[in-house]
């Protein structure tokens, strides 16, 4: 589920790079949030193992 959200946000970020600066800043912010969530999941997953 989280990986799906990450991929969707990554695609939206790439579209933002193509479409211009209007939505680019918002999509970059979403990408940064998605990366933070993935890193937190990886760190907490390693502790559980």
PDB file of N, CA and C in Angstrom:
ATOM      1  N   UNK A   1       0.829  -1.194   0.000  1.00  0.00           N
ATOM      2  CA  UNK A   1       0.000   0.000   0.000  1.00  0.00           C
ATOM      3  C   UNK A   1       0.872   1.254   0.000  1.00  0.00           C
ATOM      4  N   UNK A   2       1.856   1.280   0.890  1.00  0.00           N
ATOM      5  CA  UNK A   2       2.727   2.445   0.981  1.00  0.00           C
ATOM      6  C   UNK A   2       3.574   2.593  -0.276  1.00  0.00           C
ATOM      7  N   UNK A   3       4.024   1.462  -0.814  1.00  0.00           N
ATOM      8  CA  UNK A   3       4.826   1.516  -2.039  1.00  0.00           C
ATOM      9  C   UNK A   3       3.980   2.031  -3.205  1.00  0.00           C
ATOM     10  N   UNK A   4       2.706   1.687  -3.225  1.00  0.00           N
ATOM     11  CA  UNK A   4       1.812   2.177  -4.285  1.00  0.00           C
ATOM     12  C   UNK A   4       1.682   3.689  -4.210  1.00  0.00           C
ATOM     13  N   UNK A   5       1.501   4.213  -3.010  1.00  0.00           N
ATOM     14  CA  UNK A   5       1.412   5.663  -2.828  1.00  0.00           C
ATOM     15  C   UNK A   5       2.715   6.326  -3.250  1.00  0.00           C
ATOM     16  N   UNK A   6       3.824   5.703  -2.902  1.00  0.00           N
ATOM     17  CA  UNK A   6       5.131   6.239  -3.261  1.00  0.00           C
ATOM     18  C   UNK A   6       5.296   6.310  -4.777  1.00  0.00           C
ATOM     19  N   UNK A   7       4.906   5.261  -5.467  1.00  0.00           N
ATOM     20  CA  UNK A   7       5.029   5.238  -6.928  1.00  0.00           C
ATOM     21  C   UNK A   7       4.117   6.281  -7.564  1.00  0.00           C
ATOM     22  N   UNK A   8       2.897   6.400  -7.054  1.00  0.00           N
ATOM     23  CA  UNK A   8       1.969   7.401  -7.594  1.00  0.00           C
ATOM     24  C   UNK A   8       2.532   8.806  -7.408  1.00  0.00           C
ATOM     25  N   UNK A   9       3.072   9.085  -6.228  1.00  0.00           N
ATOM     26  CA  UNK A   9       3.650  10.401  -5.984  1.00  0.00           C
ATOM     27  C   UNK A   9       4.881  10.640  -6.848  1.00  0.00           C
ATOM     28  N   UNK A  10       5.652   9.590  -7.095  1.00  0.00           N
ATOM     29  CA  UNK A  10       6.819   9.727  -7.960  1.00  0.00           C
ATOM     30  C   UNK A  10       6.396  10.081  -9.382  1.00  0.00           C
ATOM     31  N   UNK A  11       5.366   9.428  -9.873  1.00  0.00           N
ATOM     32  CA  UNK A  11       4.854   9.737 -11.214  1.00  0.00           C
ATOM     33  C   UNK A  11       4.324  11.162 -11.262  1.00  0.00           C
ATOM     34  N   UNK A  12       3.589  11.572 -10.242  1.00  0.00           N
ATOM     35  CA  UNK A  12       3.081  12.943 -10.201  1.00  0.00           C
ATOM     36  C   UNK A  12       4.218  13.959 -10.160  1.00  0.00           C
ATOM     37  N   UNK A  13       5.292  13.617  -9.449  1.00  0.00           N
ATOM     38  CA  UNK A  13       6.454  14.500  -9.379  1.00  0.00           C
ATOM     39  C   UNK A  13       7.091  14.647 -10.753  1.00  0.00           C
ATOM     40  N   UNK A  14       7.227  13.529 -11.466  1.00  0.00           N
ATOM     41  CA  UNK A  14       7.787  13.593 -12.809  1.00  0.00           C
ATOM     42  C   UNK A  14       6.898  14.415 -13.742  1.00  0.00           C
ATOM     43  N   UNK A  15       5.590  14.264 -13.603  1.00  0.00           N
ATOM     44  CA  UNK A  15       4.667  15.083 -14.392  1.00  0.00           C
ATOM     45  C   UNK A  15       4.822  16.561 -14.044  1.00  0.00           C
ATOM     46  N   UNK A  16       5.064  16.847 -12.789  1.00  0.00           N
ATOM     47  CA  UNK A  16       5.280  18.221 -12.359  1.00  0.00           C
ATOM     48  C   UNK A  16       6.539  18.823 -12.967  1.00  0.00           C
ATOM     49  N   UNK A  17       7.571  18.006 -13.130  1.00  0.00           N
ATOM     50  CA  UNK A  17       8.777  18.492 -13.781  1.00  0.00           C
ATOM     51  C   UNK A  17       8.508  18.827 -15.244  1.00  0.00           C
ATOM     52  N   UNK A  18       7.631  18.053 -15.866  1.00  0.00           N
ATOM     53  CA  UNK A  18       7.326  18.258 -17.284  1.00  0.00           C
ATOM     54  C   UNK A  18       6.382  19.434 -17.473  1.00  0.00           C
ATOM     55  N   UNK A  19       5.355  19.548 -16.621  1.00  0.00           N
ATOM     56  CA  UNK A  19       4.326  20.568 -16.825  1.00  0.00           C
ATOM     57  C   UNK A  19       4.773  21.963 -16.432  1.00  0.00           C
ATOM     58  N   UNK A  20       5.714  22.102 -15.543  1.00  0.00           N
ATOM     59  CA  UNK A  20       6.195  23.443 -15.209  1.00  0.00           C
ATOM     60  C   UNK A  20       6.229  23.693 -13.717  1.00  0.00           C
ATOM     61  N   UNK A  21       6.419  24.955 -13.391  1.00  0.00           N
ATOM     62  CA  UNK A  21       6.671  25.336 -12.005  1.00  0.00           C
ATOM     63  C   UNK A  21       5.396  25.587 -11.210  1.00  0.00           C
ATOM     64  N   UNK A  22       4.235  25.586 -11.854  1.00  0.00           N
ATOM     65  CA  UNK A  22       3.008  25.928 -11.139  1.00  0.00           C
ATOM     66  C   UNK A  22       2.697  24.883 -10.079  1.00  0.00           C
ATOM     67  N   UNK A  23       2.666  23.617 -10.474  1.00  0.00           N
ATOM     68  CA  UNK A  23       2.371  22.543  -9.533  1.00  0.00           C
ATOM     69  C   UNK A  23       3.635  21.826  -9.078  1.00  0.00           C
ATOM     70  N   UNK A  24       4.761  22.177  -9.640  1.00  0.00           N
ATOM     71  CA  UNK A  24       6.021  21.490  -9.331  1.00  0.00           C
ATOM     72  C   UNK A  24       6.391  21.552  -7.862  1.00  0.00           C
ATOM     73  N   UNK A  25       6.206  22.715  -7.248  1.00  0.00           N
ATOM     74  CA  UNK A  25       6.573  22.867  -5.841  1.00  0.00           C
ATOM     75  C   UNK A  25       5.740  21.977  -4.943  1.00  0.00           C
ATOM     76  N   UNK A  26       4.447  21.890  -5.211  1.00  0.00           N
ATOM     77  CA  UNK A  26       3.563  21.045  -4.407  1.00  0.00           C
ATOM     78  C   UNK A  26       3.910  19.573  -4.582  1.00  0.00           C
ATOM     79  N   UNK A  27       4.191  19.178  -5.802  1.00  0.00           N
ATOM     80  CA  UNK A  27       4.512  17.776  -6.059  1.00  0.00           C
ATOM     81  C   UNK A  27       5.878  17.419  -5.464  1.00  0.00           C
ATOM     82  N   UNK A  28       6.823  18.353  -5.482  1.00  0.00           N
ATOM     83  CA  UNK A  28       8.106  18.104  -4.824  1.00  0.00           C
ATOM     84  C   UNK A  28       7.905  17.906  -3.325  1.00  0.00           C
ATOM     85  N   UNK A  29       7.027  18.687  -2.742  1.00  0.00           N
ATOM     86  CA  UNK A  29       6.737  18.535  -1.321  1.00  0.00           C
ATOM     87  C   UNK A  29       6.138  17.164  -1.033  1.00  0.00           C
ATOM     88  N   UNK A  30       5.211  16.724  -1.883  1.00  0.00           N
ATOM     89  CA  UNK A  30       4.630  15.397  -1.710  1.00  0.00           C
ATOM     90  C   UNK A  30       5.671  14.300  -1.858  1.00  0.00           C
ATOM     91  N   UNK A  31       6.593  14.473  -2.794  1.00  0.00           N
ATOM     92  CA  UNK A  31       7.652  13.477  -2.975  1.00  0.00           C
ATOM     93  C   UNK A  31       8.542  13.391  -1.741  1.00  0.00           C
ATOM     94  N   UNK A  32       8.895  14.527  -1.189  1.00  0.00           N
ATOM     95  CA  UNK A  32       9.727  14.529   0.020  1.00  0.00           C
ATOM     96  C   UNK A  32       8.993  13.832   1.158  1.00  0.00           C
ATOM     97  N   UNK A  33       7.700  14.096   1.313  1.00  0.00           N
ATOM     98  CA  UNK A  33       6.921  13.427   2.353  1.00  0.00           C
ATOM     99  C   UNK A  33       6.874  11.920   2.118  1.00  0.00           C
ATOM    100  N   UNK A  34       6.716  11.507   0.860  1.00  0.00           N
ATOM    101  CA  UNK A  34       6.677  10.078   0.551  1.00  0.00           C
ATOM    102  C   UNK A  34       8.012   9.414   0.870  1.00  0.00           C
ATOM    103  N   UNK A  35       9.108  10.074   0.568  1.00  0.00           N
ATOM    104  CA  UNK A  35      10.430   9.510   0.869  1.00  0.00           C
ATOM    105  C   UNK A  35      10.625   9.380   2.373  1.00  0.00           C
ATOM    106  N   UNK A  36      10.190  10.384   3.119  1.00  0.00           N
ATOM    107  CA  UNK A  36      10.305  10.316   4.582  1.00  0.00           C
ATOM    108  C   UNK A  36       9.503   9.141   5.122  1.00  0.00           C
ATOM    109  N   UNK A  37       8.293   8.940   4.616  1.00  0.00           N
ATOM    110  CA  UNK A  37       7.457   7.839   5.083  1.00  0.00           C
ATOM    111  C   UNK A  37       8.099   6.492   4.748  1.00  0.00           C
ATOM    112  N   UNK A  38       8.668   6.366   3.553  1.00  0.00           N
ATOM    113  CA  UNK A  38       9.318   5.112   3.163  1.00  0.00           C
ATOM    114  C   UNK A  38      10.531   4.844   4.045  1.00  0.00           C
ATOM    115  N   UNK A  39      11.314   5.864   4.326  1.00  0.00           N
ATOM    116  CA  UNK A  39      12.492   5.684   5.184  1.00  0.00           C
ATOM    117  C   UNK A  39      12.071   5.272   6.591  1.00  0.00           C
ATOM    118  N   UNK A  40      11.027   5.905   7.116  1.00  0.00           N
ATOM    119  CA  UNK A  40      10.538   5.538   8.448  1.00  0.00           C
ATOM    120  C   UNK A  40      10.058   4.093   8.452  1.00  0.00           C
ATOM    121  N   UNK A  41       9.369   3.681   7.390  1.00  0.00           N
ATOM    122  CA  UNK A  41       8.899   2.301   7.323  1.00  0.00           C
ATOM    123  C   UNK A  41      10.071   1.326   7.276  1.00  0.00           C
ATOM    124  N   UNK A  42      11.101   1.654   6.507  1.00  0.00           N
ATOM    125  CA  UNK A  42      12.265   0.775   6.416  1.00  0.00           C
ATOM    126  C   UNK A  42      12.974   0.663   7.761  1.00  0.00           C
ATOM    127  N   UNK A  43      13.112   1.777   8.454  1.00  0.00           N
ATOM    128  CA  UNK A  43      13.807   1.777   9.745  1.00  0.00           C
ATOM    129  C   UNK A  43      13.010   0.988  10.768  1.00  0.00           C
ATOM    130  N   UNK A  44      11.717   1.205  10.846  1.00  0.00           N
ATOM    131  CA  UNK A  44      10.919   0.485  11.828  1.00  0.00           C
ATOM    132  C   UNK A  44      10.769  -0.989  11.451  1.00  0.00           C
ATOM    133  N   UNK A  45      10.807  -1.303  10.167  1.00  0.00           N
ATOM    134  CA  UNK A  45      10.732  -2.696   9.733  1.00  0.00           C
ATOM    135  C   UNK A  45      11.982  -3.462  10.126  1.00  0.00           C
ATOM    136  N   UNK A  46      13.122  -2.822  10.066  1.00  0.00           N
ATOM    137  CA  UNK A  46      14.365  -3.490  10.456  1.00  0.00           C
ATOM    138  C   UNK A  46      14.391  -3.762  11.963  1.00  0.00           C
ATOM    139  N   UNK A  47      13.816  -2.862  12.737  1.00  0.00           N
ATOM    140  CA  UNK A  47      13.783  -3.095  14.184  1.00  0.00           C
ATOM    141  C   UNK A  47      12.897  -4.300  14.526  1.00  0.00           C
ATOM    142  N   UNK A  48      11.806  -4.445  13.781  1.00  0.00           N
ATOM    143  CA  UNK A  48      10.886  -5.550  14.057  1.00  0.00           C
ATOM    144  C   UNK A  48      11.529  -6.898  13.744  1.00  0.00           C
ATOM    145  N   UNK A  49      12.445  -6.930  12.772  1.00  0.00           N
ATOM    146  CA  UNK A  49      13.104  -8.185  12.424  1.00  0.00           C
ATOM    147  C   UNK A  49      14.134  -8.493  13.485  1.00  0.00           C
TER     148      UNK A  49
END
